[in-house]
Amino acid sequence: MNRKKTSRADLESKRPVFTQIGFVVALSIALLAFEWKTTDRLSIMLDNIPVTIIEQDELPVIIPELPKPEPIQKVSSILDIKDDNVEIKNEIQFSNELQVIVEVKPVERIVYIEPEVIEEIPVDWAEVMAEFQGGEGARLAFLRQHITYPMMARRLQIQGTVYVEFIVERDGSLTDIKIIRGIGGGCDEEALRVAQLMPKWIPAKQRGKPVRFKARMPIKFELR
């Protein structure tokens, strides 16, 4: 009578498992052999190298210096607490009256500044020429009355005509009197002196208005 094999007794089906177990065992033996050889070699190499063993107590201990912490300033807040029963006086007083404040400023003094008068350039010719009071005859009579022939000119026999120039202003007064041509011997100084003695002239006019006029007057010195 043939006996049937059970699934548990069938080893053929478990072959792959036994194969894997065999590979694992072989790999473990190879790793142990490699580790044993490496450790043996390392011990042989260390035998030929001098090794200095330093005890732990002999090692220098280096402690880094840390910055000192700044002292913490204590801020004390003191509250001035008053008793609730103390009566506080109000310094501000209110009034129902309406106050009107009027600002009064001092009256500023008004200073009148006269406008700058631009000097008019004197003219050499005008519609109405400037003239001596009374005309040409009065002028010649004035010169004969006031001129004195200089003694030096008489001795040196000096004679001739001295030309005096001056400006007749709008009011008839004479300004900027000067000699533009002289003969010397004291005649120039005498002509200037007499011209300064002349009274106001009648001013020149342009379009009915008086203008500054530049006049040239000859004074003749002649021995007789």
N, C-alpha and C. Protein backbone atom coordinates (compact mmCIF):
# COMPACT_ATOMS: atom_id res chain seq x y z
N MET A 1 0.87 -1.20 0.00
CA MET A 1 0.00 0.00 0.00
C MET A 1 0.89 1.23 0.00
N ASN A 2 0.69 2.13 -0.99
CA ASN A 2 1.54 3.33 -1.13
C ASN A 2 1.08 4.42 -0.18
N ARG A 3 2.09 5.04 0.51
CA ARG A 3 1.76 6.17 1.40
C ARG A 3 1.85 7.50 0.63
N LYS A 4 0.92 8.38 0.90
CA LYS A 4 0.90 9.70 0.25
C LYS A 4 1.68 10.70 1.11
N LYS A 5 2.47 11.55 0.47
CA LYS A 5 3.24 12.58 1.17
C LYS A 5 2.35 13.80 1.41
N THR A 6 2.47 14.30 2.64
CA THR A 6 1.71 15.54 2.97
C THR A 6 2.47 16.76 2.45
N SER A 7 1.75 17.91 2.45
CA SER A 7 2.38 19.17 1.98
C SER A 7 3.48 19.62 2.93
N ARG A 8 3.39 19.22 4.21
CA ARG A 8 4.42 19.62 5.16
C ARG A 8 5.69 18.81 4.93
N ALA A 9 5.53 17.55 4.53
CA ALA A 9 6.71 16.71 4.32
C ALA A 9 7.34 16.90 2.99
N ASP A 10 6.71 17.68 2.13
CA ASP A 10 7.25 17.92 0.78
C ASP A 10 8.32 18.99 0.88
N LEU A 11 9.66 18.62 0.79
CA LEU A 11 10.77 19.56 0.91
C LEU A 11 11.09 20.25 -0.41
N GLU A 12 10.58 19.71 -1.48
CA GLU A 12 10.88 20.31 -2.80
C GLU A 12 10.29 21.70 -2.91
N SER A 13 9.17 21.89 -2.29
CA SER A 13 8.53 23.21 -2.38
C SER A 13 9.26 24.25 -1.54
N LYS A 14 10.08 23.84 -0.57
CA LYS A 14 10.80 24.78 0.31
C LYS A 14 12.23 24.99 -0.13
N ARG A 15 12.58 24.53 -1.31
CA ARG A 15 13.97 24.71 -1.80
C ARG A 15 14.34 26.20 -1.89
N PRO A 16 13.56 27.07 -2.45
CA PRO A 16 13.98 28.49 -2.54
C PRO A 16 14.27 29.10 -1.18
N VAL A 17 13.54 28.70 -0.15
CA VAL A 17 13.75 29.28 1.18
C VAL A 17 15.10 28.84 1.71
N PHE A 18 15.37 27.49 1.55
CA PHE A 18 16.67 27.02 2.04
C PHE A 18 17.83 27.63 1.27
N THR A 19 17.60 27.89 0.00
CA THR A 19 18.66 28.51 -0.82
C THR A 19 18.97 29.91 -0.30
N GLN A 20 17.93 30.67 -0.01
CA GLN A 20 18.15 32.05 0.49
C GLN A 20 18.82 32.01 1.84
N ILE A 21 18.45 31.05 2.70
CA ILE A 21 19.09 30.96 4.02
C ILE A 21 20.56 30.63 3.86
N GLY A 22 20.88 29.81 2.87
CA GLY A 22 22.28 29.45 2.65
C GLY A 22 23.09 30.66 2.20
N PHE A 23 22.52 31.48 1.31
CA PHE A 23 23.22 32.70 0.86
C PHE A 23 23.46 33.66 2.01
N VAL A 24 22.48 33.79 2.85
CA VAL A 24 22.63 34.72 4.00
C VAL A 24 23.72 34.24 4.92
N VAL A 25 23.75 32.92 5.19
CA VAL A 25 24.78 32.39 6.10
C VAL A 25 26.16 32.56 5.50
N ALA A 26 26.28 32.29 4.19
CA ALA A 26 27.59 32.44 3.54
C ALA A 26 28.05 33.88 3.55
N LEU A 27 27.12 34.83 3.29
CA LEU A 27 27.49 36.24 3.29
C LEU A 27 27.90 36.70 4.68
N SER A 28 27.27 36.17 5.70
CA SER A 28 27.62 36.56 7.08
C SER A 28 29.01 36.07 7.43
N ILE A 29 29.34 34.83 7.01
CA ILE A 29 30.68 34.30 7.29
C ILE A 29 31.74 35.12 6.58
N ALA A 30 31.45 35.54 5.34
CA ALA A 30 32.44 36.34 4.58
C ALA A 30 32.67 37.68 5.25
N LEU A 31 31.58 38.32 5.73
CA LEU A 31 31.74 39.62 6.41
C LEU A 31 32.52 39.48 7.70
N LEU A 32 32.28 38.39 8.47
CA LEU A 32 33.05 38.19 9.71
C LEU A 32 34.51 37.98 9.42
N ALA A 33 34.81 37.25 8.35
CA ALA A 33 36.22 37.03 8.01
C ALA A 33 36.89 38.34 7.60
N PHE A 34 36.14 39.20 6.87
CA PHE A 34 36.73 40.48 6.42
C PHE A 34 36.98 41.39 7.62
N GLU A 35 36.04 41.40 8.56
CA GLU A 35 36.21 42.24 9.74
C GLU A 35 37.38 41.76 10.57
N TRP A 36 37.56 40.46 10.68
CA TRP A 36 38.67 39.92 11.49
C TRP A 36 40.00 40.27 10.88
N LYS A 37 40.11 40.20 9.57
CA LYS A 37 41.38 40.51 8.90
C LYS A 37 41.70 42.00 9.02
N THR A 38 40.65 42.89 8.91
CA THR A 38 40.89 44.34 8.98
C THR A 38 41.34 44.74 10.37
N THR A 39 40.71 44.17 11.41
CA THR A 39 41.09 44.49 12.78
C THR A 39 42.49 44.00 13.09
N ASP A 40 42.84 42.82 12.53
CA ASP A 40 44.18 42.29 12.76
C ASP A 40 45.22 43.17 12.13
N ARG A 41 44.96 43.61 10.92
CA ARG A 41 45.94 44.50 10.24
C ARG A 41 46.09 45.80 10.99
N LEU A 42 44.97 46.39 11.49
CA LEU A 42 45.03 47.67 12.18
C LEU A 42 45.83 47.55 13.46
N SER A 43 45.71 46.36 14.16
CA SER A 43 46.47 46.19 15.40
C SER A 43 47.94 46.05 15.11
N ILE A 44 48.28 45.39 13.96
CA ILE A 44 49.70 45.26 13.60
C ILE A 44 50.29 46.62 13.27
N MET A 45 49.56 47.49 12.56
CA MET A 45 50.06 48.83 12.21
C MET A 45 50.21 49.70 13.43
N LEU A 46 49.30 49.57 14.37
CA LEU A 46 49.40 50.40 15.57
C LEU A 46 50.55 49.98 16.45
N ASP A 47 51.00 48.67 16.35
CA ASP A 47 52.13 48.22 17.17
C ASP A 47 53.41 48.92 16.79
N ASN A 48 53.55 49.30 15.52
CA ASN A 48 54.79 49.95 15.05
C ASN A 48 54.77 51.46 15.25
N ILE A 49 53.67 52.07 15.67
CA ILE A 49 53.58 53.55 15.83
C ILE A 49 53.58 53.85 17.30
N PRO A 50 54.51 54.76 17.75
CA PRO A 50 54.51 55.13 19.18
C PRO A 50 53.25 55.93 19.51
N VAL A 51 52.59 55.51 20.51
CA VAL A 51 51.33 56.17 20.93
C VAL A 51 51.55 56.76 22.30
N THR A 52 51.21 58.04 22.47
CA THR A 52 51.33 58.73 23.76
C THR A 52 49.95 58.85 24.35
N ILE A 53 49.81 58.35 25.48
CA ILE A 53 48.51 58.39 26.13
C ILE A 53 48.51 59.57 27.09
N ILE A 54 47.59 60.45 26.89
CA ILE A 54 47.47 61.65 27.74
C ILE A 54 46.29 61.44 28.65
N GLU A 55 46.57 61.59 29.91
CA GLU A 55 45.49 61.46 30.85
C GLU A 55 44.57 62.66 30.77
N GLN A 56 43.37 62.49 31.16
CA GLN A 56 42.36 63.54 31.03
C GLN A 56 42.66 64.72 31.94
N ASP A 57 43.32 64.45 33.08
CA ASP A 57 43.60 65.54 34.01
C ASP A 57 44.67 66.47 33.48
N GLU A 58 45.57 65.98 32.57
CA GLU A 58 46.67 66.79 32.08
C GLU A 58 46.26 67.69 30.92
N LEU A 59 45.12 67.48 30.35
CA LEU A 59 44.71 68.31 29.22
C LEU A 59 44.39 69.72 29.70
N PRO A 60 44.91 70.76 28.95
CA PRO A 60 44.60 72.16 29.35
C PRO A 60 43.14 72.47 29.06
N VAL A 61 42.55 73.09 30.02
CA VAL A 61 41.14 73.47 29.89
C VAL A 61 41.09 74.94 29.51
N ILE A 62 40.54 75.24 28.36
CA ILE A 62 40.44 76.63 27.86
C ILE A 62 39.00 77.07 28.04
N ILE A 63 38.85 78.08 28.85
CA ILE A 63 37.51 78.63 29.08
C ILE A 63 37.42 79.98 28.37
N PRO A 64 36.59 80.10 27.40
CA PRO A 64 36.48 81.39 26.69
C PRO A 64 35.94 82.47 27.60
N GLU A 65 36.50 83.67 27.42
CA GLU A 65 36.04 84.83 28.21
C GLU A 65 34.79 85.40 27.58
N LEU A 66 33.76 85.41 28.32
CA LEU A 66 32.50 85.97 27.85
C LEU A 66 32.37 87.41 28.31
N PRO A 67 31.79 88.29 27.48
CA PRO A 67 31.62 89.69 27.91
C PRO A 67 30.72 89.77 29.13
N LYS A 68 31.14 90.67 30.03
CA LYS A 68 30.38 90.82 31.24
C LYS A 68 29.03 91.46 30.93
N PRO A 69 28.02 90.92 31.44
CA PRO A 69 26.69 91.52 31.17
C PRO A 69 26.57 92.87 31.83
N GLU A 70 25.94 93.79 31.13
CA GLU A 70 25.73 95.13 31.68
C GLU A 70 24.75 95.05 32.83
N PRO A 71 25.05 95.85 33.85
CA PRO A 71 24.13 95.81 35.00
C PRO A 71 22.76 96.32 34.60
N ILE A 72 21.78 95.69 35.08
CA ILE A 72 20.40 96.06 34.76
C ILE A 72 20.00 97.21 35.65
N GLN A 73 19.63 98.31 35.00
CA GLN A 73 19.21 99.49 35.74
C GLN A 73 17.77 99.32 36.17
N LYS A 74 17.60 99.50 37.40
CA LYS A 74 16.26 99.38 37.94
C LYS A 74 15.56 100.72 37.81
N VAL A 75 14.47 100.69 37.16
CA VAL A 75 13.67 101.91 36.99
C VAL A 75 12.56 101.87 38.00
N SER A 76 12.65 102.82 38.86
CA SER A 76 11.63 102.88 39.89
C SER A 76 10.65 103.97 39.53
N SER A 77 9.47 103.62 39.41
CA SER A 77 8.42 104.59 39.10
C SER A 77 7.67 104.89 40.38
N ILE A 78 7.78 106.15 40.77
CA ILE A 78 7.13 106.57 42.00
C ILE A 78 5.93 107.40 41.62
N LEU A 79 4.81 107.00 42.03
CA LEU A 79 3.58 107.71 41.73
C LEU A 79 3.19 108.53 42.95
N ASP A 80 3.02 109.83 42.66
CA ASP A 80 2.60 110.71 43.74
C ASP A 80 1.09 110.63 43.86
N ILE A 81 0.63 109.83 44.75
CA ILE A 81 -0.80 109.61 44.92
C ILE A 81 -1.29 110.47 46.07
N LYS A 82 -2.22 111.30 45.77
CA LYS A 82 -2.77 112.18 46.79
C LYS A 82 -4.05 111.58 47.35
N ASP A 83 -4.31 112.06 48.47
CA ASP A 83 -5.53 111.58 49.12
C ASP A 83 -6.75 112.08 48.37
N ASP A 84 -7.73 111.22 48.24
CA ASP A 84 -8.93 111.60 47.52
C ASP A 84 -9.70 112.70 48.23
N ASN A 85 -9.47 112.83 49.51
CA ASN A 85 -10.23 113.81 50.27
C ASN A 85 -9.66 115.22 50.16
N VAL A 86 -8.43 115.33 49.57
CA VAL A 86 -7.81 116.65 49.45
C VAL A 86 -8.54 117.45 48.40
N GLU A 87 -8.86 118.67 48.69
CA GLU A 87 -9.58 119.54 47.76
C GLU A 87 -8.58 120.19 46.82
N ILE A 88 -8.80 120.03 45.54
CA ILE A 88 -7.92 120.61 44.53
C ILE A 88 -8.56 121.90 44.03
N LYS A 89 -7.79 122.98 44.12
CA LYS A 89 -8.29 124.28 43.70
C LYS A 89 -8.05 124.46 42.21
N ASN A 90 -9.02 124.89 41.51
CA ASN A 90 -8.89 125.17 40.08
C ASN A 90 -8.28 126.55 39.88
N GLU A 91 -7.16 126.57 39.18
CA GLU A 91 -6.51 127.85 38.90
C GLU A 91 -7.17 128.61 37.77
N ILE A 92 -7.91 127.90 36.94
CA ILE A 92 -8.57 128.53 35.80
C ILE A 92 -9.95 128.98 36.24
N GLN A 93 -10.20 130.22 36.05
CA GLN A 93 -11.49 130.78 36.40
C GLN A 93 -12.23 131.16 35.13
N PHE A 94 -13.46 130.78 35.05
CA PHE A 94 -14.28 131.05 33.89
C PHE A 94 -15.22 132.20 34.20
N SER A 95 -15.40 133.01 33.20
CA SER A 95 -16.29 134.16 33.36
C SER A 95 -17.26 134.19 32.21
N ASN A 96 -18.48 134.57 32.51
CA ASN A 96 -19.50 134.67 31.48
C ASN A 96 -19.42 135.97 30.70
N GLU A 97 -18.60 136.90 31.19
CA GLU A 97 -18.48 138.19 30.52
C GLU A 97 -17.64 138.05 29.25
N LEU A 98 -18.06 138.70 28.21
CA LEU A 98 -17.35 138.69 26.93
C LEU A 98 -16.34 139.83 26.92
N GLN A 99 -15.09 139.50 26.78
CA GLN A 99 -14.03 140.51 26.76
C GLN A 99 -13.58 140.74 25.33
N VAL A 100 -13.51 142.00 24.96
CA VAL A 100 -13.06 142.40 23.63
C VAL A 100 -11.68 143.02 23.77
N ILE A 101 -10.69 142.41 23.12
CA ILE A 101 -9.31 142.90 23.18
C ILE A 101 -9.02 143.67 21.90
N VAL A 102 -8.68 144.92 22.05
CA VAL A 102 -8.36 145.78 20.90
C VAL A 102 -6.87 146.07 20.94
N GLU A 103 -6.19 145.68 19.88
CA GLU A 103 -4.75 145.90 19.79
C GLU A 103 -4.50 147.28 19.17
N VAL A 104 -3.83 148.10 19.92
CA VAL A 104 -3.55 149.47 19.47
C VAL A 104 -2.08 149.55 19.08
N LYS A 105 -1.84 149.87 17.86
CA LYS A 105 -0.47 150.02 17.36
C LYS A 105 -0.12 151.49 17.26
N PRO A 106 1.13 151.83 17.53
CA PRO A 106 1.53 153.24 17.40
C PRO A 106 1.47 153.68 15.94
N VAL A 107 1.13 154.93 15.77
CA VAL A 107 1.04 155.49 14.42
C VAL A 107 2.43 155.63 13.85
N GLU A 108 2.63 155.02 12.70
CA GLU A 108 3.93 155.11 12.06
C GLU A 108 4.14 156.50 11.47
N ARG A 109 5.32 156.97 11.66
CA ARG A 109 5.65 158.30 11.14
C ARG A 109 5.95 158.19 9.65
N ILE A 110 5.25 158.97 8.89
CA ILE A 110 5.43 158.96 7.44
C ILE A 110 6.49 159.98 7.08
N VAL A 111 7.54 159.49 6.49
CA VAL A 111 8.63 160.37 6.07
C VAL A 111 8.51 160.59 4.57
N TYR A 112 8.42 161.82 4.20
CA TYR A 112 8.30 162.16 2.78
C TYR A 112 9.69 162.30 2.19
N ILE A 113 9.94 161.53 1.19
CA ILE A 113 11.23 161.57 0.49
C ILE A 113 11.01 162.23 -0.85
N GLU A 114 11.71 163.31 -1.03
CA GLU A 114 11.56 164.02 -2.29
C GLU A 114 12.14 163.19 -3.42
N PRO A 115 11.46 163.16 -4.54
CA PRO A 115 11.98 162.40 -5.67
C PRO A 115 13.29 162.99 -6.18
N GLU A 116 14.14 162.09 -6.57
CA GLU A 116 15.45 162.53 -7.07
C GLU A 116 15.27 163.28 -8.39
N VAL A 117 15.83 164.46 -8.41
CA VAL A 117 15.72 165.29 -9.61
C VAL A 117 16.88 164.97 -10.53
N ILE A 118 16.53 164.51 -11.69
CA ILE A 118 17.56 164.21 -12.68
C ILE A 118 17.98 165.52 -13.35
N GLU A 119 19.24 165.83 -13.23
CA GLU A 119 19.74 167.10 -13.77
C GLU A 119 19.61 167.11 -15.29
N GLU A 120 18.99 168.17 -15.76
CA GLU A 120 18.79 168.31 -17.19
C GLU A 120 20.07 168.81 -17.85
N ILE A 121 20.39 168.23 -18.97
CA ILE A 121 21.59 168.66 -19.70
C ILE A 121 21.33 170.04 -20.29
N PRO A 122 22.19 171.01 -20.04
CA PRO A 122 21.97 172.36 -20.60
C PRO A 122 22.09 172.35 -22.12
N VAL A 123 21.30 173.22 -22.75
CA VAL A 123 21.29 173.31 -24.21
C VAL A 123 22.11 174.53 -24.64
N ASP A 124 22.63 174.44 -25.87
CA ASP A 124 23.38 175.59 -26.44
C ASP A 124 22.47 176.52 -27.24
N TRP A 125 21.31 176.00 -27.61
CA TRP A 125 20.37 176.82 -28.39
C TRP A 125 18.97 176.51 -27.94
N ALA A 126 18.11 177.55 -27.92
CA ALA A 126 16.72 177.38 -27.50
C ALA A 126 15.84 178.31 -28.32
N GLU A 127 14.55 178.07 -28.27
CA GLU A 127 13.61 178.93 -29.00
C GLU A 127 13.70 180.37 -28.49
N VAL A 128 13.81 180.53 -27.17
CA VAL A 128 14.03 181.86 -26.57
C VAL A 128 15.36 181.79 -25.84
N MET A 129 16.38 182.55 -26.29
CA MET A 129 17.71 182.49 -25.71
C MET A 129 17.74 183.23 -24.38
N ALA A 130 18.62 182.78 -23.49
CA ALA A 130 18.80 183.47 -22.21
C ALA A 130 19.51 184.80 -22.44
N GLU A 131 19.16 185.83 -21.62
CA GLU A 131 19.77 187.15 -21.79
C GLU A 131 19.86 187.87 -20.45
N PHE A 132 20.74 188.86 -20.45
CA PHE A 132 20.94 189.71 -19.27
C PHE A 132 19.68 190.53 -19.02
N GLN A 133 19.41 190.82 -17.75
CA GLN A 133 18.25 191.64 -17.42
C GLN A 133 18.42 193.04 -18.05
N GLY A 134 17.52 193.40 -18.95
CA GLY A 134 17.59 194.71 -19.61
C GLY A 134 18.21 194.64 -20.99
N GLY A 135 18.70 193.47 -21.40
CA GLY A 135 19.22 193.33 -22.75
C GLY A 135 20.72 193.50 -22.83
N GLU A 136 21.23 193.55 -24.09
CA GLU A 136 22.67 193.62 -24.34
C GLU A 136 23.27 194.93 -23.85
N GLY A 137 22.55 196.04 -23.99
CA GLY A 137 23.07 197.34 -23.52
C GLY A 137 23.28 197.35 -22.03
N ALA A 138 22.35 196.79 -21.30
CA ALA A 138 22.48 196.73 -19.84
C ALA A 138 23.66 195.85 -19.43
N ARG A 139 23.91 194.78 -20.19
CA ARG A 139 25.06 193.91 -19.87
C ARG A 139 26.37 194.66 -20.06
N LEU A 140 26.54 195.38 -21.18
CA LEU A 140 27.78 196.11 -21.43
C LEU A 140 27.98 197.21 -20.40
N ALA A 141 26.90 197.85 -20.01
CA ALA A 141 27.02 198.91 -19.00
C ALA A 141 27.46 198.32 -17.66
N PHE A 142 26.96 197.14 -17.32
CA PHE A 142 27.36 196.48 -16.08
C PHE A 142 28.85 196.14 -16.10
N LEU A 143 29.33 195.65 -17.24
CA LEU A 143 30.74 195.27 -17.33
C LEU A 143 31.64 196.51 -17.22
N ARG A 144 31.29 197.62 -17.89
CA ARG A 144 32.11 198.83 -17.82
C ARG A 144 32.12 199.41 -16.42
N GLN A 145 31.04 199.24 -15.71
CA GLN A 145 30.94 199.79 -14.36
C GLN A 145 31.76 199.00 -13.36
N HIS A 146 31.90 197.67 -13.53
CA HIS A 146 32.51 196.83 -12.51
C HIS A 146 33.92 196.36 -12.86
N ILE A 147 34.32 196.42 -14.14
CA ILE A 147 35.64 195.89 -14.50
C ILE A 147 36.70 196.95 -14.21
N THR A 148 37.80 196.48 -13.61
CA THR A 148 38.99 197.31 -13.38
C THR A 148 40.14 196.69 -14.16
N TYR A 149 40.77 197.47 -14.98
CA TYR A 149 41.87 196.95 -15.80
C TYR A 149 43.02 196.58 -14.88
N PRO A 150 43.52 195.36 -14.97
CA PRO A 150 44.62 194.94 -14.08
C PRO A 150 45.88 195.77 -14.32
N MET A 151 46.61 196.12 -13.25
CA MET A 151 47.82 196.92 -13.32
C MET A 151 48.91 196.19 -14.11
N MET A 152 49.05 194.91 -13.91
CA MET A 152 50.08 194.16 -14.64
C MET A 152 49.80 194.16 -16.13
N ALA A 153 48.52 194.02 -16.53
CA ALA A 153 48.19 194.05 -17.95
C ALA A 153 48.48 195.41 -18.57
N ARG A 154 48.30 196.48 -17.77
CA ARG A 154 48.62 197.81 -18.28
C ARG A 154 50.12 197.94 -18.51
N ARG A 155 50.93 197.50 -17.54
CA ARG A 155 52.37 197.63 -17.67
C ARG A 155 52.90 196.81 -18.84
N LEU A 156 52.32 195.60 -19.02
CA LEU A 156 52.79 194.74 -20.11
C LEU A 156 52.04 194.99 -21.41
N GLN A 157 51.18 195.98 -21.42
CA GLN A 157 50.42 196.33 -22.61
C GLN A 157 49.62 195.13 -23.15
N ILE A 158 49.00 194.41 -22.22
CA ILE A 158 48.20 193.24 -22.60
C ILE A 158 46.75 193.68 -22.80
N GLN A 159 46.20 193.35 -23.93
CA GLN A 159 44.80 193.62 -24.21
C GLN A 159 44.25 192.49 -25.10
N GLY A 160 42.94 192.36 -25.10
CA GLY A 160 42.31 191.28 -25.85
C GLY A 160 40.94 190.95 -25.25
N THR A 161 40.43 189.77 -25.62
CA THR A 161 39.08 189.36 -25.19
C THR A 161 39.19 188.06 -24.38
N VAL A 162 38.59 188.08 -23.23
CA VAL A 162 38.50 186.90 -22.36
C VAL A 162 37.10 186.32 -22.51
N TYR A 163 37.02 184.98 -22.72
CA TYR A 163 35.72 184.32 -22.90
C TYR A 163 35.37 183.56 -21.62
N VAL A 164 34.20 183.91 -21.11
CA VAL A 164 33.69 183.28 -19.89
C VAL A 164 32.50 182.41 -20.26
N GLU A 165 32.45 181.23 -19.67
CA GLU A 165 31.33 180.31 -19.91
C GLU A 165 30.62 180.05 -18.59
N PHE A 166 29.30 179.97 -18.64
CA PHE A 166 28.50 179.69 -17.44
C PHE A 166 27.17 179.11 -17.87
N ILE A 167 26.41 178.60 -16.91
CA ILE A 167 25.10 177.98 -17.17
C ILE A 167 24.03 178.86 -16.52
N VAL A 168 23.05 179.24 -17.31
CA VAL A 168 21.89 179.97 -16.81
C VAL A 168 20.84 178.93 -16.43
N GLU A 169 20.56 178.83 -15.13
CA GLU A 169 19.60 177.82 -14.66
C GLU A 169 18.17 178.25 -15.00
N ARG A 170 17.21 177.37 -14.71
CA ARG A 170 15.81 177.66 -15.03
C ARG A 170 15.25 178.84 -14.25
N ASP A 171 15.89 179.12 -13.09
CA ASP A 171 15.45 180.28 -12.30
C ASP A 171 16.25 181.53 -12.62
N GLY A 172 17.19 181.44 -13.59
CA GLY A 172 17.97 182.60 -13.99
C GLY A 172 19.30 182.74 -13.28
N SER A 173 19.57 181.94 -12.25
CA SER A 173 20.85 182.03 -11.55
C SER A 173 21.97 181.48 -12.42
N LEU A 174 23.22 181.94 -12.14
CA LEU A 174 24.39 181.53 -12.91
C LEU A 174 25.20 180.52 -12.11
N THR A 175 25.56 179.39 -12.75
CA THR A 175 26.37 178.36 -12.10
C THR A 175 27.49 177.91 -13.04
N ASP A 176 28.47 177.22 -12.45
CA ASP A 176 29.59 176.66 -13.21
C ASP A 176 30.27 177.72 -14.07
N ILE A 177 30.62 178.86 -13.45
CA ILE A 177 31.29 179.95 -14.17
C ILE A 177 32.77 179.62 -14.29
N LYS A 178 33.32 179.70 -15.49
CA LYS A 178 34.73 179.38 -15.72
C LYS A 178 35.25 180.12 -16.96
N ILE A 179 36.57 180.22 -17.03
CA ILE A 179 37.24 180.86 -18.17
C ILE A 179 37.58 179.77 -19.18
N ILE A 180 37.14 179.96 -20.42
CA ILE A 180 37.47 178.97 -21.45
C ILE A 180 38.57 179.48 -22.38
N ARG A 181 38.82 180.81 -22.35
CA ARG A 181 39.94 181.37 -23.12
C ARG A 181 40.36 182.67 -22.44
N GLY A 182 41.64 182.76 -22.10
CA GLY A 182 42.14 183.96 -21.41
C GLY A 182 43.30 184.61 -22.13
N ILE A 183 43.72 185.77 -21.57
CA ILE A 183 44.85 186.51 -22.18
C ILE A 183 45.96 186.74 -21.17
N GLY A 184 45.74 186.43 -19.90
CA GLY A 184 46.76 186.58 -18.89
C GLY A 184 46.88 188.00 -18.38
N GLY A 185 47.92 188.25 -17.58
CA GLY A 185 48.16 189.58 -17.01
C GLY A 185 47.14 189.97 -15.97
N GLY A 186 46.38 189.03 -15.45
CA GLY A 186 45.36 189.32 -14.44
C GLY A 186 43.99 189.57 -15.03
N CYS A 187 43.89 189.59 -16.38
CA CYS A 187 42.60 189.86 -17.00
C CYS A 187 41.63 188.70 -16.81
N ASP A 188 42.15 187.46 -16.79
CA ASP A 188 41.28 186.30 -16.64
C ASP A 188 40.61 186.31 -15.26
N GLU A 189 41.40 186.59 -14.23
CA GLU A 189 40.85 186.62 -12.89
C GLU A 189 39.83 187.74 -12.72
N GLU A 190 40.09 188.90 -13.38
CA GLU A 190 39.16 190.02 -13.29
C GLU A 190 37.84 189.71 -14.00
N ALA A 191 37.92 189.07 -15.15
CA ALA A 191 36.70 188.71 -15.87
C ALA A 191 35.87 187.71 -15.07
N LEU A 192 36.52 186.75 -14.42
CA LEU A 192 35.81 185.77 -13.61
C LEU A 192 35.14 186.44 -12.41
N ARG A 193 35.84 187.38 -11.80
CA ARG A 193 35.27 188.08 -10.63
C ARG A 193 34.00 188.85 -11.00
N VAL A 194 34.05 189.56 -12.13
CA VAL A 194 32.90 190.37 -12.56
C VAL A 194 31.73 189.47 -12.95
N ALA A 195 32.02 188.34 -13.61
CA ALA A 195 30.94 187.42 -14.01
C ALA A 195 30.22 186.86 -12.79
N GLN A 196 30.93 186.63 -11.71
CA GLN A 196 30.31 186.13 -10.48
C GLN A 196 29.45 187.19 -9.79
N LEU A 197 29.68 188.48 -10.15
CA LEU A 197 28.88 189.56 -9.56
C LEU A 197 27.58 189.81 -10.32
N MET A 198 27.42 189.25 -11.50
CA MET A 198 26.26 189.53 -12.32
C MET A 198 24.98 189.05 -11.64
N PRO A 199 23.89 189.79 -11.77
CA PRO A 199 22.60 189.34 -11.22
C PRO A 199 22.02 188.22 -12.07
N LYS A 200 20.82 187.74 -11.68
CA LYS A 200 20.16 186.67 -12.42
C LYS A 200 19.82 187.12 -13.83
N TRP A 201 19.92 186.17 -14.77
CA TRP A 201 19.54 186.43 -16.14
C TRP A 201 18.09 185.98 -16.36
N ILE A 202 17.57 186.34 -17.52
CA ILE A 202 16.28 185.82 -17.93
C ILE A 202 16.53 184.44 -18.53
N PRO A 203 15.93 183.37 -17.99
CA PRO A 203 16.25 182.02 -18.47
C PRO A 203 15.76 181.78 -19.89
N ALA A 204 16.42 180.83 -20.55
CA ALA A 204 16.00 180.42 -21.88
C ALA A 204 14.74 179.58 -21.78
N LYS A 205 13.96 179.52 -22.88
CA LYS A 205 12.71 178.78 -22.90
C LYS A 205 12.65 177.89 -24.13
N GLN A 206 12.10 176.71 -23.93
CA GLN A 206 11.88 175.76 -25.01
C GLN A 206 10.44 175.26 -24.89
N ARG A 207 9.63 175.55 -25.93
CA ARG A 207 8.21 175.21 -25.93
C ARG A 207 7.47 175.84 -24.74
N GLY A 208 7.89 177.04 -24.41
CA GLY A 208 7.23 177.79 -23.35
C GLY A 208 7.71 177.48 -21.96
N LYS A 209 8.63 176.53 -21.78
CA LYS A 209 9.11 176.14 -20.46
C LYS A 209 10.58 176.53 -20.33
N PRO A 210 11.00 177.05 -19.15
CA PRO A 210 12.40 177.41 -18.94
C PRO A 210 13.29 176.16 -18.95
N VAL A 211 14.46 176.29 -19.55
CA VAL A 211 15.42 175.20 -19.64
C VAL A 211 16.79 175.71 -19.23
N ARG A 212 17.66 174.78 -18.90
CA ARG A 212 19.05 175.14 -18.58
C ARG A 212 19.75 175.53 -19.88
N PHE A 213 20.53 176.60 -19.78
CA PHE A 213 21.15 177.13 -20.99
C PHE A 213 22.63 177.40 -20.72
N LYS A 214 23.48 176.96 -21.65
CA LYS A 214 24.91 177.19 -21.54
C LYS A 214 25.26 178.44 -22.36
N ALA A 215 25.76 179.48 -21.65
CA ALA A 215 26.07 180.75 -22.31
C ALA A 215 27.58 180.99 -22.31
N ARG A 216 28.04 181.67 -23.34
CA ARG A 216 29.45 182.09 -23.45
C ARG A 216 29.47 183.60 -23.65
N MET A 217 30.18 184.30 -22.78
CA MET A 217 30.18 185.75 -22.81
C MET A 217 31.59 186.29 -23.02
N PRO A 218 31.81 187.10 -24.03
CA PRO A 218 33.13 187.71 -24.23
C PRO A 218 33.25 189.01 -23.41
N ILE A 219 34.41 189.19 -22.79
CA ILE A 219 34.73 190.43 -22.05
C ILE A 219 36.01 190.98 -22.68
N LYS A 220 35.89 192.17 -23.24
CA LYS A 220 37.01 192.75 -23.97
C LYS A 220 37.80 193.73 -23.10
N PHE A 221 39.12 193.54 -23.09
CA PHE A 221 40.03 194.44 -22.39
C PHE A 221 40.82 195.23 -23.45
N GLU A 222 40.70 196.55 -23.38
CA GLU A 222 41.33 197.40 -24.41
C GLU A 222 41.89 198.65 -23.72
N LEU A 223 43.20 198.94 -24.04
CA LEU A 223 43.86 200.11 -23.47
C LEU A 223 43.51 201.33 -24.30
N ARG A 224 43.26 202.49 -23.64
CA ARG A 224 42.95 203.73 -24.35
C ARG A 224 43.85 204.84 -23.87
